[in-house]
Amino acid sequence: MDKEKEYKRICDKLGCKPTEINIPDFKTEDDSWENPVSKLTADEIGFLYENGYLNN
């Protein structure tokens, strides 16, 4: 597997780079916001973690 191609595919699925995801600081529970990472499979999250793509 080509790491860069897989990373680009995951970024396209997210709509941005994983490090660019801005998680709002909610003062109360807000069910209207959906975490973009929830679109990813466990394997995709593992790929990002194992290859250092979640580091700034």
PDB file of N, CA and C in Angstrom:
ATOM      1  N   MET A   1       0.845  -1.178   0.000  1.00  0.00           N
ATOM      2  CA  MET A   1       0.000   0.000   0.000  1.00  0.00           C
ATOM      3  C   MET A   1       0.893   1.245   0.000  1.00  0.00           C
ATOM      4  N   ASP A   2       0.574   2.187  -0.845  1.00  0.00           N
ATOM      5  CA  ASP A   2       1.283   3.449  -0.894  1.00  0.00           C
ATOM      6  C   ASP A   2       0.720   4.358   0.207  1.00  0.00           C
ATOM      7  N   LYS A   3       1.562   4.691   1.179  1.00  0.00           N
ATOM      8  CA  LYS A   3       1.107   5.459   2.346  1.00  0.00           C
ATOM      9  C   LYS A   3       0.534   6.814   1.953  1.00  0.00           C
ATOM     10  N   GLU A   4       1.173   7.497   1.020  1.00  0.00           N
ATOM     11  CA  GLU A   4       0.706   8.836   0.636  1.00  0.00           C
ATOM     12  C   GLU A   4      -0.648   8.778  -0.059  1.00  0.00           C
ATOM     13  N   LYS A   5      -0.868   7.767  -0.891  1.00  0.00           N
ATOM     14  CA  LYS A   5      -2.167   7.622  -1.566  1.00  0.00           C
ATOM     15  C   LYS A   5      -3.263   7.328  -0.547  1.00  0.00           C
ATOM     16  N   GLU A   6      -2.966   6.464   0.421  1.00  0.00           N
ATOM     17  CA  GLU A   6      -3.942   6.128   1.450  1.00  0.00           C
ATOM     18  C   GLU A   6      -4.238   7.350   2.322  1.00  0.00           C
ATOM     19  N   TYR A   7      -3.213   8.107   2.658  1.00  0.00           N
ATOM     20  CA  TYR A   7      -3.400   9.316   3.454  1.00  0.00           C
ATOM     21  C   TYR A   7      -4.266  10.317   2.699  1.00  0.00           C
ATOM     22  N   LYS A   8      -4.009  10.509   1.409  1.00  0.00           N
ATOM     23  CA  LYS A   8      -4.806  11.438   0.603  1.00  0.00           C
ATOM     24  C   LYS A   8      -6.254  10.972   0.531  1.00  0.00           C
ATOM     25  N   ARG A   9      -6.474   9.664   0.383  1.00  0.00           N
ATOM     26  CA  ARG A   9      -7.836   9.127   0.323  1.00  0.00           C
ATOM     27  C   ARG A   9      -8.572   9.411   1.632  1.00  0.00           C
ATOM     28  N   ILE A  10      -7.890   9.228   2.763  1.00  0.00           N
ATOM     29  CA  ILE A  10      -8.507   9.483   4.066  1.00  0.00           C
ATOM     30  C   ILE A  10      -8.794  10.978   4.228  1.00  0.00           C
ATOM     31  N   CYS A  11      -7.860  11.828   3.806  1.00  0.00           N
ATOM     32  CA  CYS A  11      -8.079  13.282   3.885  1.00  0.00           C
ATOM     33  C   CYS A  11      -9.286  13.688   3.042  1.00  0.00           C
ATOM     34  N   ASP A  12      -9.417  13.096   1.860  1.00  0.00           N
ATOM     35  CA  ASP A  12     -10.566  13.397   1.010  1.00  0.00           C
ATOM     36  C   ASP A  12     -11.864  12.973   1.693  1.00  0.00           C
ATOM     37  N   LYS A  13     -11.832  11.842   2.362  1.00  0.00           N
ATOM     38  CA  LYS A  13     -13.019  11.351   3.075  1.00  0.00           C
ATOM     39  C   LYS A  13     -13.393  12.281   4.227  1.00  0.00           C
ATOM     40  N   LEU A  14     -12.376  12.806   4.920  1.00  0.00           N
ATOM     41  CA  LEU A  14     -12.605  13.726   6.040  1.00  0.00           C
ATOM     42  C   LEU A  14     -12.975  15.129   5.561  1.00  0.00           C
ATOM     43  N   GLY A  15     -12.447  15.512   4.424  1.00  0.00           N
ATOM     44  CA  GLY A  15     -12.648  16.871   3.927  1.00  0.00           C
ATOM     45  C   GLY A  15     -11.548  17.819   4.354  1.00  0.00           C
ATOM     46  N   CYS A  16     -10.547  17.308   5.063  1.00  0.00           N
ATOM     47  CA  CYS A  16      -9.396  18.107   5.504  1.00  0.00           C
ATOM     48  C   CYS A  16      -8.334  17.142   6.029  1.00  0.00           C
ATOM     49  N   LYS A  17      -7.186  17.701   6.403  1.00  0.00           N
ATOM     50  CA  LYS A  17      -6.154  16.888   7.047  1.00  0.00           C
ATOM     51  C   LYS A  17      -6.608  16.597   8.475  1.00  0.00           C
ATOM     52  N   PRO A  18      -6.282  15.431   9.019  1.00  0.00           N
ATOM     53  CA  PRO A  18      -6.710  15.096  10.384  1.00  0.00           C
ATOM     54  C   PRO A  18      -6.246  16.111  11.433  1.00  0.00           C
ATOM     55  N   THR A  19      -5.088  16.707  11.230  1.00  0.00           N
ATOM     56  CA  THR A  19      -4.581  17.678  12.199  1.00  0.00           C
ATOM     57  C   THR A  19      -5.285  19.027  12.098  1.00  0.00           C
ATOM     58  N   GLU A  20      -6.097  19.227  11.061  1.00  0.00           N
ATOM     59  CA  GLU A  20      -6.818  20.491  10.877  1.00  0.00           C
ATOM     60  C   GLU A  20      -8.237  20.451  11.447  1.00  0.00           C
ATOM     61  N   ILE A  21      -8.641  19.321  12.005  1.00  0.00           N
ATOM     62  CA  ILE A  21      -9.986  19.210  12.562  1.00  0.00           C
ATOM     63  C   ILE A  21     -10.075  20.093  13.800  1.00  0.00           C
ATOM     64  N   ASN A  22     -11.047  20.971  13.797  1.00  0.00           N
ATOM     65  CA  ASN A  22     -11.240  21.895  14.903  1.00  0.00           C
ATOM     66  C   ASN A  22     -12.421  21.412  15.743  1.00  0.00           C
ATOM     67  N   ILE A  23     -12.132  20.919  16.930  1.00  0.00           N
ATOM     68  CA  ILE A  23     -13.181  20.431  17.821  1.00  0.00           C
ATOM     69  C   ILE A  23     -13.623  21.584  18.714  1.00  0.00           C
ATOM     70  N   PRO A  24     -14.870  22.008  18.585  1.00  0.00           N
ATOM     71  CA  PRO A  24     -15.355  23.132  19.394  1.00  0.00           C
ATOM     72  C   PRO A  24     -15.321  22.814  20.888  1.00  0.00           C
ATOM     73  N   ASP A  25     -15.147  23.843  21.682  1.00  0.00           N
ATOM     74  CA  ASP A  25     -15.156  23.711  23.137  1.00  0.00           C
ATOM     75  C   ASP A  25     -16.571  24.016  23.629  1.00  0.00           C
ATOM     76  N   PHE A  26     -17.382  22.976  23.709  1.00  0.00           N
ATOM     77  CA  PHE A  26     -18.772  23.149  24.111  1.00  0.00           C
ATOM     78  C   PHE A  26     -18.877  23.328  25.616  1.00  0.00           C
ATOM     79  N   LYS A  27     -19.686  24.280  26.031  1.00  0.00           N
ATOM     80  CA  LYS A  27     -19.946  24.480  27.460  1.00  0.00           C
ATOM     81  C   LYS A  27     -21.051  23.540  27.934  1.00  0.00           C
ATOM     82  N   THR A  28     -21.897  23.113  26.989  1.00  0.00           N
ATOM     83  CA  THR A  28     -22.956  22.151  27.276  1.00  0.00           C
ATOM     84  C   THR A  28     -22.949  21.103  26.173  1.00  0.00           C
ATOM     85  N   GLU A  29     -23.697  20.056  26.346  1.00  0.00           N
ATOM     86  CA  GLU A  29     -23.776  19.009  25.343  1.00  0.00           C
ATOM     87  C   GLU A  29     -24.445  19.547  24.087  1.00  0.00           C
ATOM     88  N   ASP A  30     -23.874  19.228  22.920  1.00  0.00           N
ATOM     89  CA  ASP A  30     -24.417  19.697  21.647  1.00  0.00           C
ATOM     90  C   ASP A  30     -24.478  18.528  20.675  1.00  0.00           C
ATOM     91  N   ASP A  31     -25.658  17.995  20.479  1.00  0.00           N
ATOM     92  CA  ASP A  31     -25.830  16.849  19.595  1.00  0.00           C
ATOM     93  C   ASP A  31     -25.861  17.229  18.119  1.00  0.00           C
ATOM     94  N   SER A  32     -25.820  18.515  17.810  1.00  0.00           N
ATOM     95  CA  SER A  32     -25.882  18.932  16.413  1.00  0.00           C
ATOM     96  C   SER A  32     -24.522  18.853  15.721  1.00  0.00           C
ATOM     97  N   TRP A  33     -23.422  18.783  16.496  1.00  0.00           N
ATOM     98  CA  TRP A  33     -22.086  18.706  15.914  1.00  0.00           C
ATOM     99  C   TRP A  33     -21.681  17.251  15.746  1.00  0.00           C
ATOM    100  N   GLU A  34     -21.214  16.903  14.547  1.00  0.00           N
ATOM    101  CA  GLU A  34     -20.760  15.536  14.287  1.00  0.00           C
ATOM    102  C   GLU A  34     -19.253  15.542  14.098  1.00  0.00           C
ATOM    103  N   ASN A  35     -18.580  14.706  14.844  1.00  0.00           N
ATOM    104  CA  ASN A  35     -17.137  14.584  14.744  1.00  0.00           C
ATOM    105  C   ASN A  35     -16.790  13.971  13.383  1.00  0.00           C
ATOM    106  N   PRO A  36     -15.981  14.651  12.552  1.00  0.00           N
ATOM    107  CA  PRO A  36     -15.646  14.124  11.231  1.00  0.00           C
ATOM    108  C   PRO A  36     -14.894  12.792  11.296  1.00  0.00           C
ATOM    109  N   VAL A  37     -14.196  12.537  12.381  1.00  0.00           N
ATOM    110  CA  VAL A  37     -13.442  11.287  12.518  1.00  0.00           C
ATOM    111  C   VAL A  37     -14.386  10.089  12.593  1.00  0.00           C
ATOM    112  N   SER A  38     -15.637  10.323  12.982  1.00  0.00           N
ATOM    113  CA  SER A  38     -16.594   9.215  13.068  1.00  0.00           C
ATOM    114  C   SER A  38     -16.900   8.622  11.691  1.00  0.00           C
ATOM    115  N   LYS A  39     -16.492   9.308  10.617  1.00  0.00           N
ATOM    116  CA  LYS A  39     -16.661   8.792   9.256  1.00  0.00           C
ATOM    117  C   LYS A  39     -15.641   7.701   8.930  1.00  0.00           C
ATOM    118  N   LEU A  40     -14.567   7.649   9.714  1.00  0.00           N
ATOM    119  CA  LEU A  40     -13.474   6.722   9.430  1.00  0.00           C
ATOM    120  C   LEU A  40     -13.696   5.364  10.077  1.00  0.00           C
ATOM    121  N   THR A  41     -13.119   4.353   9.447  1.00  0.00           N
ATOM    122  CA  THR A  41     -13.156   3.012  10.028  1.00  0.00           C
ATOM    123  C   THR A  41     -12.033   2.891  11.061  1.00  0.00           C
ATOM    124  N   ALA A  42     -12.089   1.847  11.845  1.00  0.00           N
ATOM    125  CA  ALA A  42     -11.038   1.598  12.835  1.00  0.00           C
ATOM    126  C   ALA A  42      -9.690   1.393  12.141  1.00  0.00           C
ATOM    127  N   ASP A  43      -9.693   0.737  10.986  1.00  0.00           N
ATOM    128  CA  ASP A  43      -8.451   0.526  10.240  1.00  0.00           C
ATOM    129  C   ASP A  43      -7.864   1.849   9.750  1.00  0.00           C
ATOM    130  N   GLU A  44      -8.721   2.758   9.294  1.00  0.00           N
ATOM    131  CA  GLU A  44      -8.247   4.061   8.822  1.00  0.00           C
ATOM    132  C   GLU A  44      -7.667   4.878   9.973  1.00  0.00           C
ATOM    133  N   ILE A  45      -8.316   4.861  11.128  1.00  0.00           N
ATOM    134  CA  ILE A  45      -7.802   5.568  12.302  1.00  0.00           C
ATOM    135  C   ILE A  45      -6.473   4.945  12.733  1.00  0.00           C
ATOM    136  N   GLY A  46      -6.401   3.628  12.722  1.00  0.00           N
ATOM    137  CA  GLY A  46      -5.156   2.929  13.051  1.00  0.00           C
ATOM    138  C   GLY A  46      -4.032   3.302  12.100  1.00  0.00           C
ATOM    139  N   PHE A  47      -4.332   3.396  10.812  1.00  0.00           N
ATOM    140  CA  PHE A  47      -3.342   3.791   9.810  1.00  0.00           C
ATOM    141  C   PHE A  47      -2.785   5.177  10.135  1.00  0.00           C
ATOM    142  N   LEU A  48      -3.672   6.125  10.436  1.00  0.00           N
ATOM    143  CA  LEU A  48      -3.236   7.482  10.754  1.00  0.00           C
ATOM    144  C   LEU A  48      -2.357   7.500  12.005  1.00  0.00           C
ATOM    145  N   TYR A  49      -2.766   6.754  13.008  1.00  0.00           N
ATOM    146  CA  TYR A  49      -2.025   6.711  14.270  1.00  0.00           C
ATOM    147  C   TYR A  49      -0.655   6.053  14.079  1.00  0.00           C
ATOM    148  N   GLU A  50      -0.658   4.879  13.458  1.00  0.00           N
ATOM    149  CA  GLU A  50       0.587   4.108  13.309  1.00  0.00           C
ATOM    150  C   GLU A  50       1.606   4.788  12.413  1.00  0.00           C
ATOM    151  N   ASN A  51       1.161   5.628  11.495  1.00  0.00           N
ATOM    152  CA  ASN A  51       2.081   6.295  10.582  1.00  0.00           C
ATOM    153  C   ASN A  51       2.380   7.746  10.966  1.00  0.00           C
ATOM    154  N   GLY A  52       1.946   8.159  12.154  1.00  0.00           N
ATOM    155  CA  GLY A  52       2.295   9.476  12.679  1.00  0.00           C
ATOM    156  C   GLY A  52       1.531  10.639  12.081  1.00  0.00           C
ATOM    157  N   TYR A  53       0.437  10.379  11.372  1.00  0.00           N
ATOM    158  CA  TYR A  53      -0.318  11.457  10.745  1.00  0.00           C
ATOM    159  C   TYR A  53      -1.195  12.234  11.724  1.00  0.00           C
ATOM    160  N   LEU A  54      -1.311  11.785  12.947  1.00  0.00           N
ATOM    161  CA  LEU A  54      -2.110  12.496  13.936  1.00  0.00           C
ATOM    162  C   LEU A  54      -1.270  13.460  14.765  1.00  0.00           C
ATOM    163  N   ASN A  55       0.026  13.481  14.509  1.00  0.00           N
ATOM    164  CA  ASN A  55       0.923  14.411  15.207  1.00  0.00           C
ATOM    165  C   ASN A  55       0.932  15.743  14.474  1.00  0.00           C
ATOM    166  N   ASN A  56       1.036  16.815  15.232  1.00  0.00           N
ATOM    167  CA  ASN A  56       1.123  18.156  14.606  1.00  0.00           C
ATOM    168  C   ASN A  56       2.497  18.394  14.046  1.00  0.00           C
TER     169      ASN A  56
END
